[in-house]
Amino acid sequence: MTIWALSDLHLSLNTPSKDMSFFGPAWEGYMENIQSNWLACVQVSDLVLIPGDISWAMTLQEAQKDLLWIDALPGKKLILKGNHDYWWDSSAKMKKALPPSIHFIHNNTFDFENVSIGGARLWDTEEYNFSSYTLFQENPRAKSPSPSKKEEDKRLFEKELERLRTSLSQLNPTASLRIAMTHYPPIGADLAPSAASKILQEFGIHICVFGHLHSIKKHSLPFGSTEGIRYIFSSCDYLDFKPIKIR
């Protein structure tokens, strides 16, 4: 059994106007690239972690084409909500609607053989910034976030930290490997301690996979290991749309 990760698929089978090829040549034929790369490495007995931004759909029903596309690929899949997953619904509705090979993390955990996995989406935080790693220039005329926006982001971030704690508190204590999934990065590129990383340490996490960031310079992010946790950035455009092997 092998564990892989690939985040930010941004599928758009039912929402063709949101096809990611709009964002440049790197995204041309991205769904075909994901599919061919996935088939080349993932086996039926494997697990693939997909930490967020799965589909551009707005409703669970609208997302079905994208979810069925994922379901048809080999392996079990474990998904987490991203900031663009507006289609994500209540846990009860998700359990009823998801295809058989797809499971999800939301205030819960998932056990796979001797591996226990939890996590939470997280949110924007002023603790760290990745603008120096992006391929685009920030707009100097862009307005700074309003005080109300900053307060709302802070509130959402603190709520997500509680969700992270709620999920990780349910991890199997006998598991030989404990993995956390987050959509937003839980730590800065310098691996300095953060509010989220301290929670990961508290619950003895070995590996954390995440995505969210795009237009990142190739091989520029120096994520690695600190305090016994390996941080793995898995946005599909950064990985050339190839799942990355976690274990």
Protein backbone atom coordinates (compact mmCIF):
# COMPACT_ATOMS: atom_id res chain seq x y z
CA MET A 1 0.00 0.00 0.00
CA THR A 2 1.33 3.42 -1.01
CA ILE A 3 0.00 6.82 0.06
CA TRP A 4 0.02 9.67 -2.43
CA ALA A 5 -1.11 13.32 -2.37
CA LEU A 6 -2.34 15.75 -5.01
CA SER A 7 -4.31 18.86 -4.15
CA ASP A 8 -6.14 21.67 -5.94
CA LEU A 9 -7.48 19.64 -8.86
CA HIS A 10 -10.00 22.40 -9.69
CA LEU A 11 -12.12 20.08 -11.83
CA SER A 12 -14.76 21.69 -14.02
CA LEU A 13 -16.67 19.01 -15.94
CA ASN A 14 -20.00 20.63 -15.05
CA THR A 15 -18.61 24.18 -15.04
CA PRO A 16 -16.58 24.47 -18.28
CA SER A 17 -16.41 28.26 -18.01
CA LYS A 18 -14.08 27.76 -15.02
CA ASP A 19 -11.61 25.52 -16.83
CA MET A 20 -8.16 26.29 -15.40
CA SER A 21 -6.52 26.66 -18.83
CA PHE A 22 -7.57 30.29 -18.48
CA PHE A 23 -4.56 30.68 -16.15
CA GLY A 24 -1.98 29.92 -18.81
CA PRO A 25 -0.14 27.18 -20.70
CA ALA A 26 0.79 25.25 -17.56
CA TRP A 27 -2.88 24.40 -17.09
CA GLU A 28 -3.67 23.36 -20.67
CA GLY A 29 -5.05 19.82 -20.70
CA TYR A 30 -4.65 19.63 -16.94
CA MET A 31 -7.40 17.06 -16.39
CA GLU A 32 -5.88 14.75 -18.99
CA ASN A 33 -2.46 15.23 -17.37
CA ILE A 34 -3.81 14.45 -13.91
CA GLN A 35 -5.52 11.33 -15.23
CA SER A 36 -2.52 9.96 -17.14
CA ASN A 37 -0.07 10.66 -14.31
CA TRP A 38 -2.43 9.14 -11.76
CA LEU A 39 -2.88 5.97 -13.83
CA ALA A 40 0.89 5.68 -14.20
CA CYS A 41 1.60 5.45 -10.48
CA VAL A 42 -1.48 4.81 -8.31
CA GLN A 43 -2.60 1.22 -7.72
CA VAL A 44 -6.03 -0.02 -6.64
CA SER A 45 -4.71 -0.75 -3.13
CA ASP A 46 -3.26 2.76 -2.67
CA LEU A 47 -4.64 5.84 -0.93
CA VAL A 48 -4.59 9.34 -2.46
CA LEU A 49 -4.96 12.42 -0.25
CA ILE A 50 -6.65 15.42 -1.91
CA PRO A 51 -6.45 18.39 0.48
CA GLY A 52 -8.92 20.80 -1.02
CA ASP A 53 -10.10 22.81 -4.04
CA ILE A 54 -11.43 19.72 -5.74
CA SER A 55 -14.22 21.08 -7.93
CA TRP A 56 -15.47 24.44 -9.16
CA ALA A 57 -19.07 23.25 -8.75
CA MET A 58 -21.42 25.31 -6.61
CA THR A 59 -23.65 22.46 -5.36
CA LEU A 60 -23.12 18.84 -4.41
CA GLN A 61 -25.32 17.75 -7.30
CA GLU A 62 -23.33 19.88 -9.72
CA ALA A 63 -20.09 18.34 -8.39
CA GLN A 64 -21.17 14.77 -9.17
CA LYS A 65 -19.46 14.63 -12.59
CA ASP A 66 -16.16 15.69 -11.04
CA LEU A 67 -16.54 13.28 -8.13
CA LEU A 68 -17.36 10.40 -10.46
CA TRP A 69 -14.30 11.28 -12.53
CA ILE A 70 -12.16 10.96 -9.39
CA ASP A 71 -13.97 7.78 -8.36
CA ALA A 72 -13.08 6.13 -11.69
CA LEU A 73 -9.36 6.53 -10.96
CA PRO A 74 -7.57 3.76 -9.04
CA GLY A 75 -7.19 3.78 -5.27
CA LYS A 76 -9.12 5.08 -2.30
CA LYS A 77 -9.34 8.86 -2.09
CA LEU A 78 -9.54 11.04 1.00
CA ILE A 79 -10.71 14.61 0.41
CA LEU A 80 -10.70 17.79 2.49
CA LYS A 81 -12.63 20.99 1.89
CA GLY A 82 -10.77 23.88 0.23
CA ASN A 83 -11.72 27.54 0.11
CA HIS A 84 -13.23 27.10 -3.39
CA ASP A 85 -15.23 23.95 -2.61
CA TYR A 86 -18.57 25.74 -2.41
CA TRP A 87 -20.34 22.49 -3.29
CA TRP A 88 -19.31 20.89 0.02
CA ASP A 89 -22.41 20.01 2.05
CA SER A 90 -23.29 18.57 5.46
CA SER A 91 -21.54 15.39 6.53
CA ALA A 92 -24.78 13.43 6.28
CA LYS A 93 -25.36 14.56 2.68
CA MET A 94 -21.73 13.97 1.77
CA LYS A 95 -21.81 10.39 3.07
CA LYS A 96 -24.92 9.71 1.02
CA ALA A 97 -23.71 11.32 -2.20
CA LEU A 98 -20.02 10.50 -2.44
CA PRO A 99 -18.97 7.63 -4.75
CA PRO A 100 -17.69 4.50 -2.98
CA SER A 101 -13.96 5.14 -3.32
CA ILE A 102 -14.11 8.69 -1.90
CA HIS A 103 -14.03 9.49 1.83
CA PHE A 104 -13.75 12.87 3.52
CA ILE A 105 -12.32 14.64 6.54
CA HIS A 106 -14.54 17.11 8.40
CA ASN A 107 -14.36 17.08 12.20
CA ASN A 108 -13.45 13.40 11.98
CA THR A 109 -10.57 11.06 11.14
CA PHE A 110 -9.93 8.30 8.63
CA ASP A 111 -7.99 5.10 9.36
CA PHE A 112 -6.27 3.20 6.57
CA GLU A 113 -4.45 0.05 7.64
CA ASN A 114 -2.11 1.33 10.40
CA VAL A 115 -2.34 4.99 9.37
CA SER A 116 -4.63 7.54 11.05
CA ILE A 117 -5.48 10.78 9.23
CA GLY A 118 -7.21 13.97 10.35
CA GLY A 119 -7.15 17.64 9.49
CA ALA A 120 -8.95 20.89 8.75
CA ARG A 121 -9.06 23.48 5.99
CA LEU A 122 -7.43 26.36 7.97
CA TRP A 123 -7.61 29.91 6.58
CA ASP A 124 -5.56 33.01 5.79
CA THR A 125 -3.26 34.17 8.55
CA GLU A 126 -0.81 37.05 8.91
CA GLU A 127 1.73 34.71 10.52
CA TYR A 128 3.45 34.06 7.18
CA ASN A 129 3.39 35.17 3.54
CA PHE A 130 4.41 33.44 0.30
CA SER A 131 4.40 36.41 -2.10
CA SER A 132 8.18 36.21 -2.63
CA TYR A 133 7.78 32.69 -4.02
CA THR A 134 5.12 33.50 -6.62
CA LEU A 135 5.66 34.10 -10.32
CA PHE A 136 3.46 37.19 -10.43
CA GLN A 137 4.03 40.67 -9.03
CA GLU A 138 1.67 41.98 -6.41
CA ASN A 139 -0.37 44.96 -7.58
CA PRO A 140 1.06 48.05 -5.82
CA ARG A 141 -2.28 49.80 -6.30
CA ALA A 142 -4.25 47.03 -4.66
CA LYS A 143 -6.13 48.15 -1.61
CA SER A 144 -5.02 46.84 1.74
CA PRO A 145 -7.51 44.56 3.47
CA SER A 146 -10.00 46.52 5.53
CA PRO A 147 -9.97 46.18 9.32
CA SER A 148 -13.28 44.28 9.11
CA LYS A 149 -11.80 41.82 6.57
CA LYS A 150 -8.78 41.25 8.80
CA GLU A 151 -11.02 40.64 11.79
CA GLU A 152 -13.16 38.19 9.82
CA ASP A 153 -10.06 36.31 8.60
CA LYS A 154 -8.77 36.12 12.16
CA ARG A 155 -12.10 34.76 13.38
CA LEU A 156 -12.24 32.13 10.63
CA PHE A 157 -8.63 31.11 11.23
CA GLU A 158 -9.22 30.61 14.95
CA LYS A 159 -12.35 28.57 14.18
CA GLU A 160 -10.35 26.39 11.80
CA LEU A 161 -7.69 25.85 14.46
CA GLU A 162 -10.40 24.48 16.72
CA ARG A 163 -11.60 22.20 13.93
CA LEU A 164 -8.04 20.98 13.48
CA ARG A 165 -7.80 20.21 17.18
CA THR A 166 -11.21 18.48 17.16
CA SER A 167 -10.19 16.23 14.29
CA LEU A 168 -6.69 15.37 15.52
CA SER A 169 -7.98 14.55 19.00
CA GLN A 170 -9.79 11.58 17.40
CA LEU A 171 -6.70 10.03 15.80
CA ASN A 172 -6.08 6.37 16.53
CA PRO A 173 -3.50 6.35 19.38
CA THR A 174 -2.12 2.99 18.23
CA ALA A 175 -1.49 4.07 14.61
CA SER A 176 2.13 3.84 13.49
CA LEU A 177 1.74 6.87 11.22
CA ARG A 178 -0.32 10.00 11.91
CA ILE A 179 -1.02 12.33 8.98
CA ALA A 180 -2.70 15.74 8.95
CA MET A 181 -4.32 17.28 5.89
CA THR A 182 -4.83 21.03 5.65
CA HIS A 183 -5.78 23.10 2.63
CA TYR A 184 -4.01 26.31 3.58
CA PRO A 185 -0.34 25.96 4.55
CA PRO A 186 -0.05 25.37 8.31
CA ILE A 187 3.42 26.89 8.50
CA GLY A 188 5.63 29.37 6.67
CA ALA A 189 8.40 28.41 4.24
CA ASP A 190 10.98 29.12 6.93
CA LEU A 191 9.31 26.45 9.12
CA ALA A 192 9.14 28.83 12.08
CA PRO A 193 6.60 27.69 14.71
CA SER A 194 3.01 28.74 14.02
CA ALA A 195 -0.35 28.39 15.73
CA ALA A 196 -1.23 25.44 13.47
CA SER A 197 2.17 23.73 13.66
CA LYS A 198 2.02 23.79 17.46
CA ILE A 199 -1.27 21.84 17.30
CA LEU A 200 0.28 19.35 14.89
CA GLN A 201 3.14 18.84 17.33
CA GLU A 202 0.75 18.47 20.25
CA PHE A 203 -0.96 15.52 18.57
CA GLY A 204 2.23 13.82 17.39
CA ILE A 205 1.70 14.32 13.65
CA HIS A 206 4.39 12.78 11.46
CA ILE A 207 3.38 14.22 8.07
CA CYS A 208 1.25 17.21 7.03
CA VAL A 209 0.12 17.65 3.41
CA PHE A 210 -1.43 20.85 2.08
CA GLY A 211 -1.96 22.95 -1.05
CA HIS A 212 -3.84 26.19 -1.81
CA LEU A 213 -0.87 28.10 -3.26
CA HIS A 214 -0.56 28.52 -7.04
CA SER A 215 1.82 30.21 -9.48
CA ILE A 216 4.73 29.18 -7.27
CA LYS A 217 8.23 29.18 -8.76
CA LYS A 218 9.29 25.60 -9.44
CA HIS A 219 11.37 24.01 -6.69
CA SER A 220 11.39 27.29 -4.78
CA LEU A 221 9.53 26.35 -1.61
CA PRO A 222 11.94 25.00 0.99
CA PHE A 223 9.39 23.02 2.95
CA GLY A 224 10.90 20.09 4.80
CA SER A 225 10.94 18.62 8.28
CA THR A 226 10.95 20.32 11.65
CA GLU A 227 10.04 19.18 15.16
CA GLY A 228 9.50 15.66 13.81
CA ILE A 229 6.90 16.72 11.21
CA ARG A 230 7.43 16.51 7.45
CA TYR A 231 5.57 19.25 5.55
CA ILE A 232 4.59 18.38 1.97
CA PHE A 233 3.23 20.92 -0.50
CA SER A 234 0.96 19.14 -2.99
CA SER A 235 -0.69 21.70 -5.31
CA CYS A 236 -1.00 19.96 -8.64
CA ASP A 237 0.50 22.70 -10.83
CA TYR A 238 3.61 22.80 -8.62
CA LEU A 239 3.95 19.01 -9.01
CA ASP A 240 3.35 19.05 -12.79
CA PHE A 241 0.01 17.33 -12.08
CA LYS A 242 1.71 14.18 -10.75
CA PRO A 243 0.72 12.68 -7.38
CA ILE A 244 3.56 12.90 -4.87
CA LYS A 245 4.44 9.79 -2.87
CA ILE A 246 3.92 10.27 0.86
CA ARG A 247 4.75 6.76 2.03
